[in-house]
């Protein structure tokens, strides 16, 4: 998924972060709206940047995500499988 698609999903779902999961429903990362907004405004931004490329450089520890619900999910978080 590209940054543009993620931003669109986040706007539609009215969430401020996405929790990314692999095919086994295991968390692989957390992407915040603030991080994507900064990236989008930077000179390094292109419309080809994918979320999986951002996971290589962690800015938010995986332990800093909200807990609750099945698999630690909360109702106001949009979960995406990679």
Protein backbone atom coordinates (compact mmCIF):
# COMPACT_ATOMS: atom_id res chain seq x y z
CA UNK A 1 0.00 0.00 0.00
CA UNK A 2 1.29 3.44 -0.86
CA UNK A 3 1.41 6.43 1.46
CA UNK A 4 -1.33 8.13 -0.58
CA UNK A 5 -3.67 5.15 -0.18
CA UNK A 6 -2.90 4.96 3.55
CA UNK A 7 -3.66 8.67 3.98
CA UNK A 8 -6.94 8.24 2.13
CA UNK A 9 -7.91 5.25 4.28
CA UNK A 10 -7.02 7.09 7.46
CA UNK A 11 -9.10 10.09 6.43
CA UNK A 12 -12.07 7.90 5.56
CA UNK A 13 -11.82 5.88 8.77
CA UNK A 14 -11.06 9.00 10.86
CA UNK A 15 -8.12 7.39 12.63
CA UNK A 16 -4.71 8.84 13.47
CA UNK A 17 -2.70 5.66 12.98
CA UNK A 18 -2.68 2.30 11.21
CA UNK A 19 -1.54 -0.96 12.73
CA UNK A 20 0.00 -3.13 10.04
CA UNK A 21 -0.32 -6.91 10.28
CA UNK A 22 1.13 -9.82 8.33
CA UNK A 23 -0.85 -12.74 6.89
CA UNK A 24 -0.84 -14.47 10.29
CA UNK A 25 -2.48 -11.46 11.97
CA UNK A 26 0.76 -10.61 13.76
CA UNK A 27 1.58 -6.93 14.14
CA UNK A 28 4.45 -5.76 12.00
CA UNK A 29 4.30 -2.02 12.56
CA UNK A 30 2.46 1.14 13.47
CA UNK A 31 2.22 4.11 11.12
CA UNK A 32 0.92 7.45 12.39
CA UNK A 33 -0.84 10.17 10.45
CA UNK A 34 1.71 12.67 11.72
CA UNK A 35 4.59 10.58 10.36
CA UNK A 36 2.92 10.24 6.97
CA UNK A 37 2.13 13.95 6.83
CA UNK A 38 5.77 14.85 7.54
CA UNK A 39 6.95 12.38 4.91
CA UNK A 40 4.46 13.67 2.34
CA UNK A 41 5.73 17.22 2.85
CA UNK A 42 9.40 16.32 2.55
CA UNK A 43 11.48 16.69 -0.61
CA UNK A 44 12.24 12.94 -0.48
CA UNK A 45 8.57 12.04 -0.97
CA UNK A 46 7.39 10.26 -4.12
CA UNK A 47 4.02 8.66 -4.83
CA UNK A 48 5.79 5.29 -5.05
CA UNK A 49 6.77 5.06 -1.37
CA UNK A 50 5.05 2.07 0.23
CA UNK A 51 4.25 1.54 3.90
CA UNK A 52 6.44 -1.55 4.08
CA UNK A 53 9.40 0.65 3.12
CA UNK A 54 8.72 2.85 6.15
CA UNK A 55 8.73 -0.09 8.55
CA UNK A 56 12.47 -0.56 8.07
CA UNK A 57 13.05 2.70 9.99
CA UNK A 58 10.98 2.52 13.17
CA UNK A 59 9.80 5.78 14.69
CA UNK A 60 7.19 4.37 17.04
CA UNK A 61 7.97 1.28 19.10
CA UNK A 62 5.54 -1.57 18.53
CA UNK A 63 4.94 -1.71 22.27
CA UNK A 64 3.48 1.81 22.18
CA UNK A 65 0.27 0.77 20.48
CA UNK A 66 -3.15 0.77 22.13
CA UNK A 67 -4.34 -2.48 23.71
CA UNK A 68 -7.78 -4.02 23.98
CA UNK A 69 -10.19 -6.29 22.13
CA UNK A 70 -9.28 -9.38 20.16
CA UNK A 71 -5.56 -9.53 19.34
CA UNK A 72 -5.07 -6.24 21.22
CA UNK A 73 -7.18 -4.31 18.73
CA UNK A 74 -9.30 -1.31 19.54
CA UNK A 75 -12.37 -0.26 17.63
CA UNK A 76 -10.87 3.07 16.50
CA UNK A 77 -7.80 1.54 14.83
CA UNK A 78 -7.80 0.39 11.23
CA UNK A 79 -5.78 -2.83 10.87
CA UNK A 80 -4.19 -3.66 7.51
CA UNK A 81 -2.72 -6.98 6.43
CA UNK A 82 0.46 -6.93 4.37
